[in-house]
Amino acid sequence: MECPHLSSSVCIAPDSAKFPNGSPSSWCCSVCRSNKSPWVCLTCSSVHCGRIWGT
């Protein structure tokens, strides 16, 4: 999967105040609202799913 926020240097230090609440199984994609294979962008904390970037 590729996130549009990735660059040559990735900083893995998410802002805990913006990080989604709950366990990953409760997260929903911000685009399609699916809860299948959720992941969070470590730059902007948006939740997406494998369907969005895998197509």
N, C-alpha and C. Protein backbone atom coordinates (compact mmCIF):
# COMPACT_ATOMS: atom_id res chain seq x y z
N MET A 1 0.83 -1.17 0.00
CA MET A 1 0.00 0.00 0.00
C MET A 1 0.88 1.24 0.00
N GLU A 2 0.42 2.26 -0.67
CA GLU A 2 1.19 3.49 -0.73
C GLU A 2 0.33 4.66 -0.27
N CYS A 3 0.83 5.42 0.66
CA CYS A 3 0.13 6.59 1.18
C CYS A 3 0.69 7.84 0.49
N PRO A 4 -0.15 8.81 0.12
CA PRO A 4 0.36 10.00 -0.54
C PRO A 4 1.26 10.86 0.34
N HIS A 5 1.31 10.59 1.63
CA HIS A 5 2.14 11.38 2.53
C HIS A 5 3.54 10.82 2.71
N LEU A 6 3.81 9.64 2.11
CA LEU A 6 5.14 9.04 2.25
C LEU A 6 6.14 9.80 1.41
N SER A 7 7.32 9.95 1.93
CA SER A 7 8.41 10.57 1.18
C SER A 7 9.67 9.77 1.45
N SER A 8 10.81 10.30 1.05
CA SER A 8 12.05 9.55 1.24
C SER A 8 12.39 9.36 2.71
N SER A 9 11.92 10.24 3.56
CA SER A 9 12.15 10.05 5.01
C SER A 9 10.81 10.05 5.72
N VAL A 10 10.52 8.95 6.40
CA VAL A 10 9.26 8.80 7.11
C VAL A 10 9.53 8.86 8.60
N CYS A 11 8.79 9.72 9.27
CA CYS A 11 8.91 9.85 10.72
C CYS A 11 7.73 9.12 11.35
N ILE A 12 8.02 8.11 12.15
CA ILE A 12 6.95 7.34 12.79
C ILE A 12 6.77 7.87 14.21
N ALA A 13 6.12 9.03 14.28
CA ALA A 13 5.83 9.66 15.57
C ALA A 13 4.46 10.31 15.48
N PRO A 14 3.39 9.49 15.47
CA PRO A 14 2.05 10.05 15.33
C PRO A 14 1.66 10.90 16.54
N ASP A 15 0.88 11.91 16.28
CA ASP A 15 0.34 12.76 17.33
C ASP A 15 -0.76 11.98 18.04
N SER A 16 -0.54 11.60 19.27
CA SER A 16 -1.50 10.75 19.98
C SER A 16 -2.85 11.44 20.16
N ALA A 17 -2.89 12.76 20.15
CA ALA A 17 -4.16 13.47 20.29
C ALA A 17 -5.03 13.31 19.05
N LYS A 18 -4.40 13.12 17.87
CA LYS A 18 -5.14 12.97 16.62
C LYS A 18 -5.32 11.51 16.23
N PHE A 19 -4.61 10.61 16.90
CA PHE A 19 -4.67 9.19 16.55
C PHE A 19 -6.08 8.65 16.82
N PRO A 20 -6.61 7.78 15.94
CA PRO A 20 -7.97 7.26 16.13
C PRO A 20 -8.14 6.54 17.46
N ASN A 21 -9.30 6.70 18.06
CA ASN A 21 -9.63 6.03 19.32
C ASN A 21 -10.04 4.59 19.07
N GLY A 22 -9.92 3.77 20.08
CA GLY A 22 -10.34 2.38 20.00
C GLY A 22 -9.30 1.50 19.34
N SER A 23 -9.67 0.25 19.23
CA SER A 23 -8.76 -0.72 18.61
C SER A 23 -8.89 -0.63 17.09
N PRO A 24 -7.86 -1.05 16.35
CA PRO A 24 -7.92 -1.00 14.89
C PRO A 24 -9.15 -1.69 14.30
N SER A 25 -9.67 -2.72 14.97
CA SER A 25 -10.84 -3.41 14.44
C SER A 25 -12.09 -2.53 14.47
N SER A 26 -12.06 -1.43 15.23
CA SER A 26 -13.21 -0.53 15.29
C SER A 26 -13.08 0.67 14.34
N TRP A 27 -11.91 0.80 13.68
CA TRP A 27 -11.70 1.93 12.77
C TRP A 27 -12.44 1.72 11.46
N CYS A 28 -12.91 2.81 10.85
CA CYS A 28 -13.57 2.76 9.54
C CYS A 28 -12.83 3.67 8.58
N CYS A 29 -12.71 3.24 7.36
CA CYS A 29 -12.05 4.00 6.30
C CYS A 29 -12.73 5.36 6.14
N SER A 30 -11.96 6.42 6.04
CA SER A 30 -12.52 7.77 5.89
C SER A 30 -13.08 8.00 4.49
N VAL A 31 -12.79 7.11 3.54
CA VAL A 31 -13.29 7.26 2.17
C VAL A 31 -14.53 6.41 1.94
N CYS A 32 -14.44 5.10 2.22
CA CYS A 32 -15.55 4.20 1.90
C CYS A 32 -16.29 3.68 3.13
N ARG A 33 -15.82 4.03 4.33
CA ARG A 33 -16.42 3.62 5.61
C ARG A 33 -16.31 2.13 5.89
N SER A 34 -15.49 1.41 5.13
CA SER A 34 -15.27 -0.02 5.37
C SER A 34 -14.42 -0.20 6.64
N ASN A 35 -14.65 -1.29 7.34
CA ASN A 35 -13.81 -1.61 8.49
C ASN A 35 -12.91 -2.81 8.18
N LYS A 36 -12.77 -3.15 6.92
CA LYS A 36 -11.92 -4.26 6.48
C LYS A 36 -10.49 -3.77 6.28
N SER A 37 -9.54 -4.37 6.94
CA SER A 37 -8.10 -4.05 6.82
C SER A 37 -7.79 -2.57 7.03
N PRO A 38 -8.21 -1.98 8.15
CA PRO A 38 -7.95 -0.56 8.37
C PRO A 38 -6.47 -0.28 8.65
N TRP A 39 -6.01 0.87 8.22
CA TRP A 39 -4.67 1.34 8.55
C TRP A 39 -4.75 2.85 8.73
N VAL A 40 -3.82 3.42 9.47
CA VAL A 40 -3.83 4.85 9.75
C VAL A 40 -2.57 5.49 9.18
N CYS A 41 -2.74 6.64 8.55
CA CYS A 41 -1.60 7.41 8.04
C CYS A 41 -0.87 8.01 9.23
N LEU A 42 0.43 7.80 9.32
CA LEU A 42 1.20 8.30 10.45
C LEU A 42 1.51 9.79 10.34
N THR A 43 1.14 10.41 9.23
CA THR A 43 1.33 11.85 9.07
C THR A 43 0.08 12.62 9.46
N CYS A 44 -1.07 12.22 8.91
CA CYS A 44 -2.30 12.99 9.15
C CYS A 44 -3.31 12.26 10.04
N SER A 45 -3.05 11.01 10.38
CA SER A 45 -3.91 10.18 11.24
C SER A 45 -5.25 9.82 10.61
N SER A 46 -5.39 9.96 9.29
CA SER A 46 -6.60 9.51 8.61
C SER A 46 -6.60 8.00 8.51
N VAL A 47 -7.77 7.41 8.69
CA VAL A 47 -7.91 5.96 8.57
C VAL A 47 -8.33 5.63 7.15
N HIS A 48 -7.68 4.65 6.56
CA HIS A 48 -8.01 4.17 5.22
C HIS A 48 -8.07 2.65 5.27
N CYS A 49 -8.43 2.04 4.15
CA CYS A 49 -8.46 0.58 4.09
C CYS A 49 -7.68 0.09 2.87
N GLY A 50 -7.41 -1.19 2.85
CA GLY A 50 -6.66 -1.78 1.75
C GLY A 50 -7.37 -1.68 0.41
N ARG A 51 -8.68 -1.54 0.42
CA ARG A 51 -9.44 -1.42 -0.83
C ARG A 51 -9.10 -0.15 -1.57
N ILE A 52 -8.89 0.94 -0.87
CA ILE A 52 -8.66 2.24 -1.49
C ILE A 52 -7.33 2.27 -2.24
N TRP A 53 -6.26 1.86 -1.60
CA TRP A 53 -4.94 1.97 -2.21
C TRP A 53 -4.55 0.72 -2.98
N GLY A 54 -5.29 -0.35 -2.83
CA GLY A 54 -4.95 -1.58 -3.52
C GLY A 54 -5.55 -1.70 -4.92
N THR A 55 -6.36 -0.72 -5.33
CA THR A 55 -7.00 -0.80 -6.63
C THR A 55 -6.30 0.06 -7.65
